[in-house]
Amino acid sequence: MEQRVLGRTGREVSVVGLGTWQLGADWGEVREEDAVAVLDAAVESGVTFFDTADVYGDGRSERLIGRYLKAHPELDVFVATKMGRRADQLPENYDLANFRAWNDRSRANLGVDTLDLVQLHCPPTAVYSTDAVFDALDTLVAEQRVAHYAVSVETCAEALAAIARPGVASVQIILNAFRLKPLEEVLPAAAEAGVGVIARVPLASGLLSGRYTRETVFAANDHRTYNRHGEAFDQGETFSGVDYETGLAAAAEFAELAPEGATPAQTALRWVVQQPGVTSVIPGARSVEQARANAAAAAVPALPREVLDGVRELYGRRLKEQVHGRW
């Protein structure tokens, strides 16, 4: 699989990575043996980048990855984790003492001395303008608790503020065919600064797979049931902030743009990979089949101009009014 340098880390990672929120929580139950099978399938398909967080299953996702990599010491997999969402979302909680405690827990979960990359996990907006926060992150690097640090953001404005910080290695942001705003400023600014871009929610919580209908029922503990209006965390994390009915209609039109030989989901992932400035896209997977199909999107030929234009037209007609001004 194609590898790209992840911004200021200097490390190469696969253009399709694996998001592991599904392996921790909030997407229904996943048995441990099934989670391990997903990790196996991803690695066998060329994935060299796992994205996790200390809050996914309260550490379950990190622990699964840690045990998996300990059992496979021959693998060269870059692991990005996140911190901050286990505490009340107050700017004053983002200090060095908490960072050390959170990092120490993640290092124990992952079974490593030094974390490859730790990302602030969509912190309060005020955090991005607080110099002491980034001084503390620099201290973590000096103490060798982390090799590099980064941010995961909700808005384009937050991404631009983070890119301006010289120690930020990468920015993780929602980017998909239903969320085009990052193309305007974030991706060009990141490319100019040498900051990596990790694209999350690339399938709009599965909508872009084209598999869902009005009759689809999600589990009670699936965020696609309980967070449709932002009840638990930012609404943009669920269906990219698009209401379900609109998303279904837009997904049906998007599916018609898929080229021969590619599924709608693979087309959506290929679209992200193709955007200038993107380092890696991190779809999640609940099954071996999904993991393999997602990784295969890296081999889909470049999408032609008519598909790219079709995505922009669809976005402008059906989606822009709902999401463009919010994030």
C-alpha atoms as a PDB file:
ATOM      1  CA  MET A   1       0.000   0.000   0.000  1.00  0.00           C
ATOM      2  CA  GLU A   2       1.132   3.559  -0.669  1.00  0.00           C
ATOM      3  CA  GLN A   3       2.883   5.196   2.291  1.00  0.00           C
ATOM      4  CA  ARG A   4       2.986   8.918   3.055  1.00  0.00           C
ATOM      5  CA  VAL A   5       5.004  10.895   5.605  1.00  0.00           C
ATOM      6  CA  LEU A   6       2.858  11.881   8.569  1.00  0.00           C
ATOM      7  CA  GLY A   7       3.744  15.528   8.815  1.00  0.00           C
ATOM      8  CA  ARG A   8       6.383  16.545  11.324  1.00  0.00           C
ATOM      9  CA  THR A   9       6.752  13.014  12.694  1.00  0.00           C
ATOM     10  CA  GLY A  10       8.879  12.115   9.680  1.00  0.00           C
ATOM     11  CA  ARG A  11       7.339   8.629   9.805  1.00  0.00           C
ATOM     12  CA  GLU A  12       5.663   6.958   6.853  1.00  0.00           C
ATOM     13  CA  VAL A  13       2.184   5.516   7.340  1.00  0.00           C
ATOM     14  CA  SER A  14      -0.266   3.784   5.033  1.00  0.00           C
ATOM     15  CA  VAL A  15      -2.691   6.030   3.147  1.00  0.00           C
ATOM     16  CA  VAL A  16      -5.516   3.911   4.544  1.00  0.00           C
ATOM     17  CA  GLY A  17      -5.153   3.339   8.265  1.00  0.00           C
ATOM     18  CA  LEU A  18      -7.463   1.748  10.797  1.00  0.00           C
ATOM     19  CA  GLY A  19      -9.622   3.717  13.182  1.00  0.00           C
ATOM     20  CA  THR A  20     -10.284   1.635  16.298  1.00  0.00           C
ATOM     21  CA  TRP A  21     -13.187   3.414  17.996  1.00  0.00           C
ATOM     22  CA  GLN A  22     -15.340   0.462  16.935  1.00  0.00           C
ATOM     23  CA  LEU A  23     -13.064  -1.926  18.818  1.00  0.00           C
ATOM     24  CA  GLY A  24     -13.551  -0.047  22.062  1.00  0.00           C
ATOM     25  CA  ALA A  25     -17.116   1.158  22.367  1.00  0.00           C
ATOM     26  CA  ASP A  26     -20.041   3.210  21.016  1.00  0.00           C
ATOM     27  CA  TRP A  27     -20.723   1.049  17.946  1.00  0.00           C
ATOM     28  CA  GLY A  28     -22.316  -1.960  19.624  1.00  0.00           C
ATOM     29  CA  GLU A  29     -20.400  -4.872  21.080  1.00  0.00           C
ATOM     30  CA  VAL A  30     -17.290  -6.336  19.450  1.00  0.00           C
ATOM     31  CA  ARG A  31     -15.841  -9.524  20.929  1.00  0.00           C
ATOM     32  CA  GLU A  32     -12.095  -9.570  21.590  1.00  0.00           C
ATOM     33  CA  GLU A  33     -11.437 -12.387  19.127  1.00  0.00           C
ATOM     34  CA  ASP A  34     -13.295 -10.429  16.443  1.00  0.00           C
ATOM     35  CA  ALA A  35     -11.293  -7.304  17.253  1.00  0.00           C
ATOM     36  CA  VAL A  36      -8.027  -9.226  16.893  1.00  0.00           C
ATOM     37  CA  ALA A  37      -9.213 -10.622  13.578  1.00  0.00           C
ATOM     38  CA  VAL A  38      -9.889  -7.075  12.354  1.00  0.00           C
ATOM     39  CA  LEU A  39      -6.367  -6.001  13.340  1.00  0.00           C
ATOM     40  CA  ASP A  40      -4.941  -9.053  11.561  1.00  0.00           C
ATOM     41  CA  ALA A  41      -6.919  -8.357   8.396  1.00  0.00           C
ATOM     42  CA  ALA A  42      -5.871  -4.713   8.333  1.00  0.00           C
ATOM     43  CA  VAL A  43      -2.164  -5.520   8.741  1.00  0.00           C
ATOM     44  CA  GLU A  44      -2.334  -8.289   6.155  1.00  0.00           C
ATOM     45  CA  SER A  45      -3.867  -5.738   3.761  1.00  0.00           C
ATOM     46  CA  GLY A  46      -0.967  -3.323   4.137  1.00  0.00           C
ATOM     47  CA  VAL A  47      -2.199  -1.039   6.944  1.00  0.00           C
ATOM     48  CA  THR A  48       0.664   0.372   9.039  1.00  0.00           C
ATOM     49  CA  PHE A  49      -1.285   3.011  10.993  1.00  0.00           C
ATOM     50  CA  PHE A  50      -3.700   2.492  13.897  1.00  0.00           C
ATOM     51  CA  ASP A  51      -5.628   5.362  15.464  1.00  0.00           C
ATOM     52  CA  THR A  52      -7.062   4.924  18.958  1.00  0.00           C
ATOM     53  CA  ALA A  53      -7.868   6.922  22.113  1.00  0.00           C
ATOM     54  CA  ASP A  54      -7.747   6.461  25.860  1.00  0.00           C
ATOM     55  CA  VAL A  55     -11.515   6.917  26.032  1.00  0.00           C
ATOM     56  CA  TYR A  56     -12.473   4.189  23.529  1.00  0.00           C
ATOM     57  CA  GLY A  57     -13.986   1.590  25.799  1.00  0.00           C
ATOM     58  CA  ASP A  58     -12.207   3.380  28.677  1.00  0.00           C
ATOM     59  CA  GLY A  59      -8.896   2.030  27.400  1.00  0.00           C
ATOM     60  CA  ARG A  60     -10.096  -1.240  25.880  1.00  0.00           C
ATOM     61  CA  SER A  61      -9.081  -0.247  22.363  1.00  0.00           C
ATOM     62  CA  GLU A  62      -5.576   0.725  23.516  1.00  0.00           C
ATOM     63  CA  ARG A  63      -5.187  -2.505  25.470  1.00  0.00           C
ATOM     64  CA  LEU A  64      -6.294  -4.627  22.515  1.00  0.00           C
ATOM     65  CA  ILE A  65      -3.742  -2.917  20.286  1.00  0.00           C
ATOM     66  CA  GLY A  66      -1.032  -3.222  22.931  1.00  0.00           C
ATOM     67  CA  ARG A  67      -1.573  -6.954  23.330  1.00  0.00           C
ATOM     68  CA  TYR A  68      -1.756  -7.433  19.579  1.00  0.00           C
ATOM     69  CA  LEU A  69       1.524  -5.646  18.877  1.00  0.00           C
ATOM     70  CA  LYS A  70       3.265  -7.400  21.756  1.00  0.00           C
ATOM     71  CA  ALA A  71       2.254 -10.703  20.158  1.00  0.00           C
ATOM     72  CA  HIS A  72       3.611  -9.489  16.801  1.00  0.00           C
ATOM     73  CA  PRO A  73       6.910  -7.699  17.547  1.00  0.00           C
ATOM     74  CA  GLU A  74       7.943  -7.993  13.911  1.00  0.00           C
ATOM     75  CA  LEU A  75       5.305  -5.460  12.824  1.00  0.00           C
ATOM     76  CA  ASP A  76       6.166  -1.818  12.183  1.00  0.00           C
ATOM     77  CA  VAL A  77       2.822  -0.205  13.003  1.00  0.00           C
ATOM     78  CA  PHE A  78       2.589   3.467  13.969  1.00  0.00           C
ATOM     79  CA  VAL A  79       0.012   4.022  16.725  1.00  0.00           C
ATOM     80  CA  ALA A  80      -1.663   7.358  17.338  1.00  0.00           C
ATOM     81  CA  THR A  81      -3.689   7.701  20.512  1.00  0.00           C
ATOM     82  CA  LYS A  82      -5.591  10.619  22.071  1.00  0.00           C
ATOM     83  CA  MET A  83      -6.090  12.154  25.478  1.00  0.00           C
ATOM     84  CA  GLY A  84      -8.395  14.571  27.238  1.00  0.00           C
ATOM     85  CA  ARG A  85     -11.917  13.213  26.925  1.00  0.00           C
ATOM     86  CA  ARG A  86     -11.835  11.259  30.185  1.00  0.00           C
ATOM     87  CA  ALA A  87     -11.902  14.545  32.126  1.00  0.00           C
ATOM     88  CA  ASP A  88     -14.439  17.347  32.342  1.00  0.00           C
ATOM     89  CA  GLN A  89     -14.077  19.487  29.245  1.00  0.00           C
ATOM     90  CA  LEU A  90     -12.645  22.556  30.953  1.00  0.00           C
ATOM     91  CA  PRO A  91      -9.561  24.362  29.600  1.00  0.00           C
ATOM     92  CA  GLU A  92      -7.917  24.314  33.029  1.00  0.00           C
ATOM     93  CA  ASN A  93      -7.847  20.490  32.968  1.00  0.00           C
ATOM     94  CA  TYR A  94      -5.383  20.582  30.076  1.00  0.00           C
ATOM     95  CA  ASP A  95      -2.236  20.928  32.190  1.00  0.00           C
ATOM     96  CA  LEU A  96       1.063  19.108  32.557  1.00  0.00           C
ATOM     97  CA  ALA A  97       0.081  17.051  35.602  1.00  0.00           C
ATOM     98  CA  ASN A  98      -2.993  15.658  33.867  1.00  0.00           C
ATOM     99  CA  PHE A  99      -1.068  15.121  30.636  1.00  0.00           C
ATOM    100  CA  ARG A 100       1.505  13.030  32.473  1.00  0.00           C
ATOM    101  CA  ALA A 101      -1.167  10.956  34.200  1.00  0.00           C
ATOM    102  CA  TRP A 102      -3.134  10.409  30.998  1.00  0.00           C
ATOM    103  CA  ASN A 103       0.012   9.517  29.052  1.00  0.00           C
ATOM    104  CA  ASP A 104       1.197   7.112  31.711  1.00  0.00           C
ATOM    105  CA  ARG A 105      -2.132   5.287  31.538  1.00  0.00           C
ATOM    106  CA  SER A 106      -1.967   5.077  27.734  1.00  0.00           C
ATOM    107  CA  ARG A 107       1.640   3.873  27.855  1.00  0.00           C
ATOM    108  CA  ALA A 108       0.597   1.108  30.239  1.00  0.00           C
ATOM    109  CA  ASN A 109      -2.408   0.200  28.081  1.00  0.00           C
ATOM    110  CA  LEU A 110      -0.294   0.049  24.930  1.00  0.00           C
ATOM    111  CA  GLY A 111       2.687  -1.561  26.645  1.00  0.00           C
ATOM    112  CA  VAL A 112       5.230   0.995  25.436  1.00  0.00           C
ATOM    113  CA  ASP A 113       7.688   3.385  27.063  1.00  0.00           C
ATOM    114  CA  THR A 114       7.108   6.137  24.519  1.00  0.00           C
ATOM    115  CA  LEU A 115       3.868   6.830  22.660  1.00  0.00           C
ATOM    116  CA  ASP A 116       4.361   7.265  18.897  1.00  0.00           C
ATOM    117  CA  LEU A 117       1.861  10.113  18.725  1.00  0.00           C
ATOM    118  CA  VAL A 118      -0.587  11.558  21.239  1.00  0.00           C
ATOM    119  CA  GLN A 119      -3.370  13.856  20.080  1.00  0.00           C
ATOM    120  CA  LEU A 120      -5.433  16.270  22.131  1.00  0.00           C
ATOM    121  CA  HIS A 121      -8.894  14.766  21.706  1.00  0.00           C
ATOM    122  CA  CYS A 122     -11.127  17.583  20.454  1.00  0.00           C
ATOM    123  CA  PRO A 123     -10.420  19.831  23.441  1.00  0.00           C
ATOM    124  CA  PRO A 124     -12.284  23.071  24.281  1.00  0.00           C
ATOM    125  CA  THR A 125     -11.565  25.753  21.695  1.00  0.00           C
ATOM    126  CA  ALA A 126      -9.724  27.924  24.224  1.00  0.00           C
ATOM    127  CA  VAL A 127      -7.017  25.256  24.552  1.00  0.00           C
ATOM    128  CA  TYR A 128      -5.660  26.014  21.081  1.00  0.00           C
ATOM    129  CA  SER A 129      -4.722  29.572  22.074  1.00  0.00           C
ATOM    130  CA  THR A 130      -3.142  28.641  25.425  1.00  0.00           C
ATOM    131  CA  ASP A 131       0.653  28.701  25.219  1.00  0.00           C
ATOM    132  CA  ALA A 132       1.028  26.729  28.460  1.00  0.00           C
ATOM    133  CA  VAL A 133      -0.748  23.759  26.883  1.00  0.00           C
ATOM    134  CA  PHE A 134       1.812  23.494  24.108  1.00  0.00           C
ATOM    135  CA  ASP A 135       4.676  24.104  26.520  1.00  0.00           C
ATOM    136  CA  ALA A 136       3.379  21.119  28.497  1.00  0.00           C
ATOM    137  CA  LEU A 137       3.210  19.005  25.347  1.00  0.00           C
ATOM    138  CA  ASP A 138       6.819  19.948  24.568  1.00  0.00           C
ATOM    139  CA  THR A 139       7.712  18.773  28.076  1.00  0.00           C
ATOM    140  CA  LEU A 140       6.150  15.366  27.398  1.00  0.00           C
ATOM    141  CA  VAL A 141       8.415  15.026  24.362  1.00  0.00           C
ATOM    142  CA  ALA A 142      11.456  16.093  26.391  1.00  0.00           C
ATOM    143  CA  GLU A 143      10.549  13.488  29.031  1.00  0.00           C
ATOM    144  CA  GLN A 144      10.232  10.854  26.277  1.00  0.00           C
ATOM    145  CA  ARG A 145       6.688  10.007  27.300  1.00  0.00           C
ATOM    146  CA  VAL A 146       5.674  10.812  23.718  1.00  0.00           C
ATOM    147  CA  ALA A 147       7.637  10.997  20.491  1.00  0.00           C
ATOM    148  CA  HIS A 148       5.283  13.507  18.869  1.00  0.00           C
ATOM    149  CA  TYR A 149       2.068  15.351  19.642  1.00  0.00           C
ATOM    150  CA  ALA A 150      -0.874  16.466  17.557  1.00  0.00           C
ATOM    151  CA  VAL A 151      -4.511  17.519  17.755  1.00  0.00           C
ATOM    152  CA  SER A 152      -7.874  16.117  16.781  1.00  0.00           C
ATOM    153  CA  VAL A 153     -10.260  18.969  16.036  1.00  0.00           C
ATOM    154  CA  GLU A 154     -13.934  19.615  15.415  1.00  0.00           C
ATOM    155  CA  THR A 155     -13.720  22.819  13.363  1.00  0.00           C
ATOM    156  CA  CYS A 156     -11.603  24.217  10.562  1.00  0.00           C
ATOM    157  CA  ALA A 157     -10.779  27.252  12.714  1.00  0.00           C
ATOM    158  CA  GLU A 158      -9.339  24.976  15.400  1.00  0.00           C
ATOM    159  CA  ALA A 159      -7.315  23.128  12.785  1.00  0.00           C
ATOM    160  CA  LEU A 160      -5.792  26.371  11.479  1.00  0.00           C
ATOM    161  CA  ALA A 161      -4.883  27.468  15.023  1.00  0.00           C
ATOM    162  CA  ALA A 162      -3.166  24.140  15.644  1.00  0.00           C
ATOM    163  CA  ILE A 163      -1.275  24.168  12.340  1.00  0.00           C
ATOM    164  CA  ALA A 164       0.271  27.482  13.371  1.00  0.00           C
ATOM    165  CA  ARG A 165       1.868  25.810  16.421  1.00  0.00           C
ATOM    166  CA  PRO A 166       5.422  24.708  15.499  1.00  0.00           C
ATOM    167  CA  GLY A 167       5.357  21.489  17.540  1.00  0.00           C
ATOM    168  CA  VAL A 168       2.099  20.104  16.173  1.00  0.00           C
ATOM    169  CA  ALA A 169       2.911  17.111  13.968  1.00  0.00           C
ATOM    170  CA  SER A 170      -0.524  16.478  12.494  1.00  0.00           C
ATOM    171  CA  VAL A 171      -4.162  17.476  12.567  1.00  0.00           C
ATOM    172  CA  GLN A 172      -7.034  15.029  12.594  1.00  0.00           C
ATOM    173  CA  ILE A 173     -10.282  16.359  11.143  1.00  0.00           C
ATOM    174  CA  ILE A 174     -13.581  15.098   9.751  1.00  0.00           C
ATOM    175  CA  LEU A 175     -13.245  14.994   5.985  1.00  0.00           C
ATOM    176  CA  ASN A 176     -15.522  13.138   3.605  1.00  0.00           C
ATOM    177  CA  ALA A 177     -17.795  13.688   0.622  1.00  0.00           C
ATOM    178  CA  PHE A 178     -20.366  15.198   3.004  1.00  0.00           C
ATOM    179  CA  ARG A 179     -17.862  17.598   4.661  1.00  0.00           C
ATOM    180  CA  LEU A 180     -15.864  19.592   2.129  1.00  0.00           C
ATOM    181  CA  LYS A 181     -14.994  22.731   4.089  1.00  0.00           C
ATOM    182  CA  PRO A 182     -11.476  21.505   5.084  1.00  0.00           C
ATOM    183  CA  LEU A 183     -10.534  21.571   1.404  1.00  0.00           C
ATOM    184  CA  GLU A 184     -10.758  25.372   1.341  1.00  0.00           C
ATOM    185  CA  GLU A 185      -8.086  26.372   3.886  1.00  0.00           C
ATOM    186  CA  VAL A 186      -7.076  23.528   6.192  1.00  0.00           C
ATOM    187  CA  LEU A 187      -5.480  21.170   3.686  1.00  0.00           C
ATOM    188  CA  PRO A 188      -3.496  23.913   1.883  1.00  0.00           C
ATOM    189  CA  ALA A 189      -2.294  25.383   5.208  1.00  0.00           C
ATOM    190  CA  ALA A 190      -1.245  21.967   6.507  1.00  0.00           C
ATOM    191  CA  ALA A 191       0.641  21.160   3.326  1.00  0.00           C
ATOM    192  CA  GLU A 192       2.482  24.483   3.425  1.00  0.00           C
ATOM    193  CA  ALA A 193       3.439  23.998   7.080  1.00  0.00           C
ATOM    194  CA  GLY A 194       4.483  20.362   6.696  1.00  0.00           C
ATOM    195  CA  VAL A 195       1.722  19.189   9.034  1.00  0.00           C
ATOM    196  CA  GLY A 196       0.095  15.816   8.416  1.00  0.00           C
ATOM    197  CA  VAL A 197      -3.651  15.464   7.920  1.00  0.00           C
ATOM    198  CA  ILE A 198      -5.504  12.447   9.311  1.00  0.00           C
ATOM    199  CA  ALA A 199      -9.018  12.232   7.888  1.00  0.00           C
ATOM    200  CA  ARG A 200     -11.597  10.719  10.216  1.00  0.00           C
ATOM    201  CA  VAL A 201     -15.291   9.810   9.795  1.00  0.00           C
ATOM    202  CA  PRO A 202     -14.573   9.223   6.091  1.00  0.00           C
ATOM    203  CA  LEU A 203     -17.785   7.252   5.542  1.00  0.00           C
ATOM    204  CA  ALA A 204     -20.012   9.655   7.506  1.00  0.00           C
ATOM    205  CA  SER A 205     -20.586   6.988  10.171  1.00  0.00           C
ATOM    206  CA  GLY A 206     -21.357   4.436   7.476  1.00  0.00           C
ATOM    207  CA  LEU A 207     -23.842   6.476   5.448  1.00  0.00           C
ATOM    208  CA  LEU A 208     -21.481   6.631   2.470  1.00  0.00           C
ATOM    209  CA  SER A 209     -21.346   2.847   2.342  1.00  0.00           C
ATOM    210  CA  GLY A 210     -24.879   2.956   0.942  1.00  0.00           C
ATOM    211  CA  ARG A 211     -25.933   0.078   3.200  1.00  0.00           C
ATOM    212  CA  TYR A 212     -28.436   1.914   5.412  1.00  0.00           C
ATOM    213  CA  THR A 213     -32.138   2.578   4.922  1.00  0.00           C
ATOM    214  CA  ARG A 214     -34.953   4.218   6.882  1.00  0.00           C
ATOM    215  CA  GLU A 215     -35.583   0.804   8.430  1.00  0.00           C
ATOM    216  CA  THR A 216     -32.029   0.322   9.709  1.00  0.00           C
ATOM    217  CA  VAL A 217     -31.927  -0.022  13.494  1.00  0.00           C
ATOM    218  CA  PHE A 218     -28.697   0.688  15.368  1.00  0.00           C
ATOM    219  CA  ALA A 219     -27.971  -0.727  18.819  1.00  0.00           C
ATOM    220  CA  ALA A 220     -28.933   1.354  21.851  1.00  0.00           C
ATOM    221  CA  ASN A 221     -25.240   1.736  22.775  1.00  0.00           C
ATOM    222  CA  ASP A 222     -24.318   2.829  19.226  1.00  0.00           C
ATOM    223  CA  HIS A 223     -23.699   6.577  18.922  1.00  0.00           C
ATOM    224  CA  ARG A 224     -25.732   6.529  15.707  1.00  0.00           C
ATOM    225  CA  THR A 225     -28.718   5.960  17.994  1.00  0.00           C
ATOM    226  CA  TYR A 226     -27.943   8.153  20.992  1.00  0.00           C
ATOM    227  CA  ASN A 227     -25.941  11.067  19.546  1.00  0.00           C
ATOM    228  CA  ARG A 228     -27.830  12.096  16.415  1.00  0.00           C
ATOM    229  CA  HIS A 229     -28.434  15.553  17.855  1.00  0.00           C
ATOM    230  CA  GLY A 230     -25.203  15.890  19.833  1.00  0.00           C
ATOM    231  CA  GLU A 231     -26.617  14.555  23.086  1.00  0.00           C
ATOM    232  CA  ALA A 232     -23.321  12.976  24.239  1.00  0.00           C
ATOM    233  CA  PHE A 233     -20.584  14.715  22.208  1.00  0.00           C
ATOM    234  CA  ASP A 234     -20.239  16.903  19.144  1.00  0.00           C
ATOM    235  CA  GLN A 235     -23.033  16.198  16.667  1.00  0.00           C
ATOM    236  CA  GLY A 236     -20.545  16.329  13.812  1.00  0.00           C
ATOM    237  CA  GLU A 237     -19.072  12.994  14.898  1.00  0.00           C
ATOM    238  CA  THR A 238     -22.345  11.219  14.050  1.00  0.00           C
ATOM    239  CA  PHE A 239     -23.279  11.070  10.366  1.00  0.00           C
ATOM    240  CA  SER A 240     -20.944  14.088   9.935  1.00  0.00           C
ATOM    241  CA  GLY A 241     -23.651  16.272  11.434  1.00  0.00           C
ATOM    242  CA  VAL A 242     -26.064  15.582   8.571  1.00  0.00           C
ATOM    243  CA  ASP A 243     -29.597  14.602   9.544  1.00  0.00           C
ATOM    244  CA  TYR A 244     -30.282  10.959   8.803  1.00  0.00           C
ATOM    245  CA  GLU A 245     -32.973  11.445   6.150  1.00  0.00           C
ATOM    246  CA  THR A 246     -30.876  13.916   4.191  1.00  0.00           C
ATOM    247  CA  GLY A 247     -27.861  11.659   4.555  1.00  0.00           C
ATOM    248  CA  LEU A 248     -29.697   8.653   3.172  1.00  0.00           C
ATOM    249  CA  ALA A 249     -30.818  10.585   0.094  1.00  0.00           C
ATOM    250  CA  ALA A 250     -27.359  12.031  -0.491  1.00  0.00           C
ATOM    251  CA  ALA A 251     -25.728   8.617  -0.005  1.00  0.00           C
ATOM    252  CA  ALA A 252     -27.978   7.102  -2.664  1.00  0.00           C
ATOM    253  CA  GLU A 253     -26.865   9.764  -5.128  1.00  0.00           C
ATOM    254  CA  PHE A 254     -23.224   9.339  -4.124  1.00  0.00           C
ATOM    255  CA  ALA A 255     -23.443   5.596  -4.791  1.00  0.00           C
ATOM    256  CA  GLU A 256     -24.295   6.356  -8.405  1.00  0.00           C
ATOM    257  CA  LEU A 257     -20.908   8.079  -8.762  1.00  0.00           C
ATOM    258  CA  ALA A 258     -18.948   4.941  -7.848  1.00  0.00           C
ATOM    259  CA  PRO A 259     -16.787   3.731 -10.756  1.00  0.00           C
ATOM    260  CA  GLU A 260     -16.992   0.184 -12.024  1.00  0.00           C
ATOM    261  CA  GLY A 261     -15.222  -2.242  -9.721  1.00  0.00           C
ATOM    262  CA  ALA A 262     -15.406  -0.050  -6.609  1.00  0.00           C
ATOM    263  CA  THR A 263     -18.053  -0.058  -3.903  1.00  0.00           C
ATOM    264  CA  PRO A 264     -19.545   3.235  -2.682  1.00  0.00           C
ATOM    265  CA  ALA A 265     -17.471   2.926   0.503  1.00  0.00           C
ATOM    266  CA  GLN A 266     -14.254   2.382  -1.450  1.00  0.00           C
ATOM    267  CA  THR A 267     -15.128   5.334  -3.680  1.00  0.00           C
ATOM    268  CA  ALA A 268     -15.628   7.507  -0.594  1.00  0.00           C
ATOM    269  CA  LEU A 269     -12.266   6.449   0.834  1.00  0.00           C
ATOM    270  CA  ARG A 270     -10.485   6.891  -2.490  1.00  0.00           C
ATOM    271  CA  TRP A 271     -11.982  10.399  -2.709  1.00  0.00           C
ATOM    272  CA  VAL A 272     -10.374  11.293   0.632  1.00  0.00           C
ATOM    273  CA  VAL A 273      -7.000   9.744  -0.238  1.00  0.00           C
ATOM    274  CA  GLN A 274      -6.988  11.766  -3.446  1.00  0.00           C
ATOM    275  CA  GLN A 275      -7.312  15.168  -1.752  1.00  0.00           C
ATOM    276  CA  PRO A 276      -3.988  17.086  -1.810  1.00  0.00           C
ATOM    277  CA  GLY A 277      -2.528  17.318   1.685  1.00  0.00           C
ATOM    278  CA  VAL A 278      -4.185  14.221   3.172  1.00  0.00           C
ATOM    279  CA  THR A 279      -1.736  11.803   4.773  1.00  0.00           C
ATOM    280  CA  SER A 280      -4.022   8.970   5.835  1.00  0.00           C
ATOM    281  CA  VAL A 281      -7.712   8.169   6.099  1.00  0.00           C
ATOM    282  CA  ILE A 282      -8.815   6.098   9.088  1.00  0.00           C
ATOM    283  CA  PRO A 283     -12.053   4.168   8.515  1.00  0.00           C
ATOM    284  CA  GLY A 284     -13.147   1.856  11.291  1.00  0.00           C
ATOM    285  CA  ALA A 285     -14.109  -1.772  10.805  1.00  0.00           C
ATOM    286  CA  ARG A 286     -16.202  -4.221  12.787  1.00  0.00           C
ATOM    287  CA  SER A 287     -15.405  -7.246  10.630  1.00  0.00           C
ATOM    288  CA  VAL A 288     -12.562  -8.812   8.680  1.00  0.00           C
ATOM    289  CA  GLU A 289     -14.465  -8.190   5.458  1.00  0.00           C
ATOM    290  CA  GLN A 290     -14.809  -4.487   6.195  1.00  0.00           C
ATOM    291  CA  ALA A 291     -11.141  -4.133   7.112  1.00  0.00           C
ATOM    292  CA  ARG A 292     -10.014  -5.767   3.878  1.00  0.00           C
ATOM    293  CA  ALA A 293     -12.457  -3.843   1.709  1.00  0.00           C
ATOM    294  CA  ASN A 294     -11.432  -0.534   3.280  1.00  0.00           C
ATOM    295  CA  ALA A 295      -7.736  -1.223   2.723  1.00  0.00           C
ATOM    296  CA  ALA A 296      -8.454  -2.171  -0.888  1.00  0.00           C
ATOM    297  CA  ALA A 297      -9.662   1.389  -1.499  1.00  0.00           C
ATOM    298  CA  ALA A 298      -5.993   2.424  -1.670  1.00  0.00           C
ATOM    299  CA  ALA A 299      -5.681   0.452  -4.902  1.00  0.00           C
ATOM    300  CA  VAL A 300      -8.725   2.001  -6.578  1.00  0.00           C
ATOM    301  CA  PRO A 301      -7.563   4.093  -9.567  1.00  0.00           C
ATOM    302  CA  ALA A 302      -7.692   7.857  -9.193  1.00  0.00           C
ATOM    303  CA  LEU A 303     -11.253   9.081  -9.498  1.00  0.00           C
ATOM    304  CA  PRO A 304     -11.946  10.955 -12.746  1.00  0.00           C
ATOM    305  CA  ARG A 305     -12.937  14.606 -12.914  1.00  0.00           C
ATOM    306  CA  GLU A 306     -16.612  13.825 -13.413  1.00  0.00           C
ATOM    307  CA  VAL A 307     -16.740  11.998 -10.073  1.00  0.00           C
ATOM    308  CA  LEU A 308     -14.932  14.816  -8.257  1.00  0.00           C
ATOM    309  CA  ASP A 309     -17.255  17.372  -9.817  1.00  0.00           C
ATOM    310  CA  GLY A 310     -20.238  15.198  -8.955  1.00  0.00           C
ATOM    311  CA  VAL A 311     -19.242  15.168  -5.285  1.00  0.00           C
ATOM    312  CA  ARG A 312     -19.006  18.967  -5.205  1.00  0.00           C
ATOM    313  CA  GLU A 313     -22.348  19.377  -6.930  1.00  0.00           C
ATOM    314  CA  LEU A 314     -24.044  16.939  -4.550  1.00  0.00           C
ATOM    315  CA  TYR A 315     -22.527  18.682  -1.541  1.00  0.00           C
ATOM    316  CA  GLY A 316     -23.623  22.113  -2.693  1.00  0.00           C
ATOM    317  CA  ARG A 317     -27.158  21.014  -3.480  1.00  0.00           C
ATOM    318  CA  ARG A 318     -27.976  18.755  -0.526  1.00  0.00           C
ATOM    319  CA  LEU A 319     -25.481  19.203   2.314  1.00  0.00           C
ATOM    320  CA  LYS A 320     -23.628  22.505   2.416  1.00  0.00           C
ATOM    321  CA  GLU A 321     -26.419  24.443   4.079  1.00  0.00           C
ATOM    322  CA  GLN A 322     -26.511  21.978   7.001  1.00  0.00           C
ATOM    323  CA  VAL A 323     -22.819  21.625   7.772  1.00  0.00           C
ATOM    324  CA  HIS A 324     -20.586  24.214   6.114  1.00  0.00           C
ATOM    325  CA  GLY A 325     -21.173  27.031   8.565  1.00  0.00           C
ATOM    326  CA  ARG A 326     -20.994  24.902  11.691  1.00  0.00           C
ATOM    327  CA  TRP A 327     -17.608  23.229  11.442  1.00  0.00           C
END
